[in-house]
Protein backbone atom coordinates (compact mmCIF):
# COMPACT_ATOMS: atom_id res chain seq x y z
CA MET A 1 26.55 -12.97 1.13
CA ASN A 2 24.91 -11.52 4.49
CA ASP A 3 21.91 -10.24 4.92
CA GLU A 4 23.84 -6.22 4.89
CA GLU A 5 25.57 -7.33 1.31
CA ARG A 6 21.99 -8.75 -0.56
CA TYR A 7 20.72 -5.55 1.38
CA GLU A 8 22.96 -3.37 -0.73
CA GLN A 9 23.03 -5.78 -3.49
CA GLY A 10 19.32 -6.08 -3.43
CA MET A 11 19.11 -1.54 -3.54
CA ARG A 12 21.45 -1.46 -6.60
CA VAL A 13 19.23 -3.77 -8.35
CA ARG A 14 15.76 -2.04 -7.08
CA ARG A 15 17.06 1.14 -7.80
CA ALA A 16 17.84 0.32 -11.61
CA VAL A 17 14.65 -1.54 -12.04
CA LEU A 18 12.08 0.96 -10.27
CA GLY A 19 14.38 4.04 -11.11
CA ASP A 20 16.18 6.25 -7.79
CA GLU A 21 13.13 8.56 -7.29
CA HIS A 22 10.43 5.60 -6.88
CA VAL A 23 12.79 3.92 -4.49
CA ASP A 24 13.72 7.38 -2.67
CA ARG A 25 9.55 8.24 -2.44
CA ALA A 26 9.30 3.77 -1.12
CA ILE A 27 11.83 5.03 1.72
CA ALA A 28 11.10 8.10 2.61
CA ARG A 29 7.30 6.45 3.34
CA THR A 30 9.06 3.77 5.76
CA ASP A 31 7.46 3.88 8.45
CA ASP A 32 7.51 1.50 12.15
CA VAL A 33 4.69 -0.02 9.97
CA THR A 34 7.09 -0.74 6.52
CA ARG A 35 10.48 -1.22 7.94
CA ASP A 36 10.37 -5.00 8.18
CA PHE A 37 8.24 -4.84 4.71
CA GLN A 38 10.64 -2.74 2.62
CA ASP A 39 13.48 -4.96 4.60
CA TYR A 40 12.21 -7.57 3.07
CA ILE A 41 11.45 -6.41 -0.38
CA THR A 42 15.10 -4.84 -0.89
CA ARG A 43 16.85 -8.42 0.81
CA ASN A 44 14.20 -11.16 -0.48
CA ALA A 45 12.78 -9.68 -4.31
CA TRP A 46 15.88 -7.30 -5.16
CA GLY A 47 18.51 -9.23 -3.75
CA ASP A 48 17.41 -12.60 -4.07
CA ILE A 49 15.28 -13.38 -6.77
CA TRP A 50 16.13 -9.80 -9.34
CA SER A 51 19.84 -10.95 -8.97
CA ARG A 52 19.53 -14.50 -9.62
CA PRO A 53 21.67 -14.82 -12.90
CA GLY A 54 19.43 -17.27 -14.38
CA LEU A 55 17.31 -14.93 -16.26
CA ALA A 56 17.81 -10.97 -17.50
CA ARG A 57 15.90 -8.77 -15.91
CA ARG A 58 14.43 -7.83 -19.06
CA ASP A 59 12.74 -10.93 -19.23
CA ARG A 60 11.62 -11.21 -15.52
CA SER A 61 9.70 -7.58 -16.00
CA LEU A 62 8.34 -9.47 -19.00
CA ILE A 63 6.95 -12.86 -16.29
CA THR A 64 6.44 -9.88 -13.90
CA VAL A 65 3.92 -7.97 -16.55
CA ALA A 66 2.16 -11.17 -17.41
CA LEU A 67 1.71 -11.83 -13.27
CA LEU A 68 0.54 -8.78 -12.21
CA ALA A 69 -1.90 -8.29 -14.69
CA ALA A 70 -3.37 -12.39 -14.80
CA LEU A 71 -3.56 -11.14 -11.09
CA GLN A 72 -5.23 -7.90 -11.06
CA HIS A 73 -2.15 -5.83 -9.95
CA GLU A 74 -3.17 -3.59 -11.15
CA GLY A 75 -0.50 -0.97 -8.91
CA GLU A 76 1.90 -2.68 -9.19
CA LEU A 77 1.24 -3.97 -12.91
CA ALA A 78 1.39 0.40 -13.71
CA MET A 79 5.31 0.48 -11.24
CA HIS A 80 6.21 -2.76 -13.91
CA ILE A 81 5.46 -1.62 -17.25
CA ARG A 82 7.62 1.57 -16.32
CA ALA A 83 10.29 -0.15 -15.29
CA ALA A 84 9.78 -2.87 -18.16
CA LEU A 85 10.28 0.09 -20.36
CA ARG A 86 13.46 0.87 -18.16
CA ASN A 87 14.87 -2.90 -18.44
CA GLY A 88 14.07 -2.66 -22.44
CA VAL A 89 11.64 -4.02 -23.99
CA THR A 90 9.01 -2.05 -26.29
CA LYS A 91 5.65 -0.85 -25.64
CA GLU A 92 4.45 -3.24 -28.51
CA GLU A 93 6.00 -6.38 -26.40
CA ILE A 94 4.12 -5.12 -23.62
CA SER A 95 1.11 -4.88 -25.71
CA GLU A 96 1.63 -9.07 -26.46
CA VAL A 97 2.32 -10.10 -23.52
CA LEU A 98 -1.25 -8.58 -22.05
CA LEU A 99 -2.68 -10.10 -25.08
CA GLN A 100 -1.57 -13.56 -23.90
CA VAL A 101 -2.92 -12.65 -20.49
CA GLY A 102 -6.01 -11.96 -22.55
CA LEU A 103 -5.94 -15.66 -23.40
CA TYR A 104 -5.26 -17.10 -20.77
CA ALA A 105 -6.74 -15.35 -18.40
CA GLY A 106 -9.26 -13.31 -19.77
CA ALA A 107 -10.50 -10.78 -21.34
CA PRO A 108 -11.99 -8.61 -18.63
CA THR A 109 -8.36 -9.65 -17.10
CA ALA A 110 -6.87 -8.76 -20.21
CA ASN A 111 -8.69 -5.62 -20.57
CA ARG A 112 -7.89 -4.07 -17.83
CA ALA A 113 -4.12 -4.38 -17.71
CA MET A 114 -4.28 -2.86 -21.33
CA ALA A 115 -5.79 0.26 -19.77
CA VAL A 116 -3.31 0.77 -17.01
CA ALA A 117 -0.63 -0.03 -19.99
CA GLN A 118 -2.53 2.44 -21.84
CA GLU A 119 -2.50 4.94 -19.42
CA VAL A 120 1.58 4.42 -18.22
CA LEU A 121 2.89 4.23 -22.37
CA SER A 122 0.41 7.32 -23.36
CA GLY A 123 2.42 9.51 -20.80
């Protein structure tokens, strides 16, 4: 697969996972500073990793939520909680993942992630 095909595949997966509205906003904000990064994440994150057959998108969403919570990336966490719901993850499963994060990454980290989840899931 060439770069153009990976980009097209990545855009399809990106839109399916994050939603057209989110992707359209990101593309609309693209400028000379962010253009290469947008291309990079579309081809590599979405066209390569998220497109691999080894894990279902639902499973990738659960892993991504756990990692973003543990790394305390709240903005990305909120986006990926919404994506997880789109990929069939339930609110209860998100809560369970964040409990697991609390065990392995610490209560303060999970507390921050739970606040993000609560805001996203109640809205």
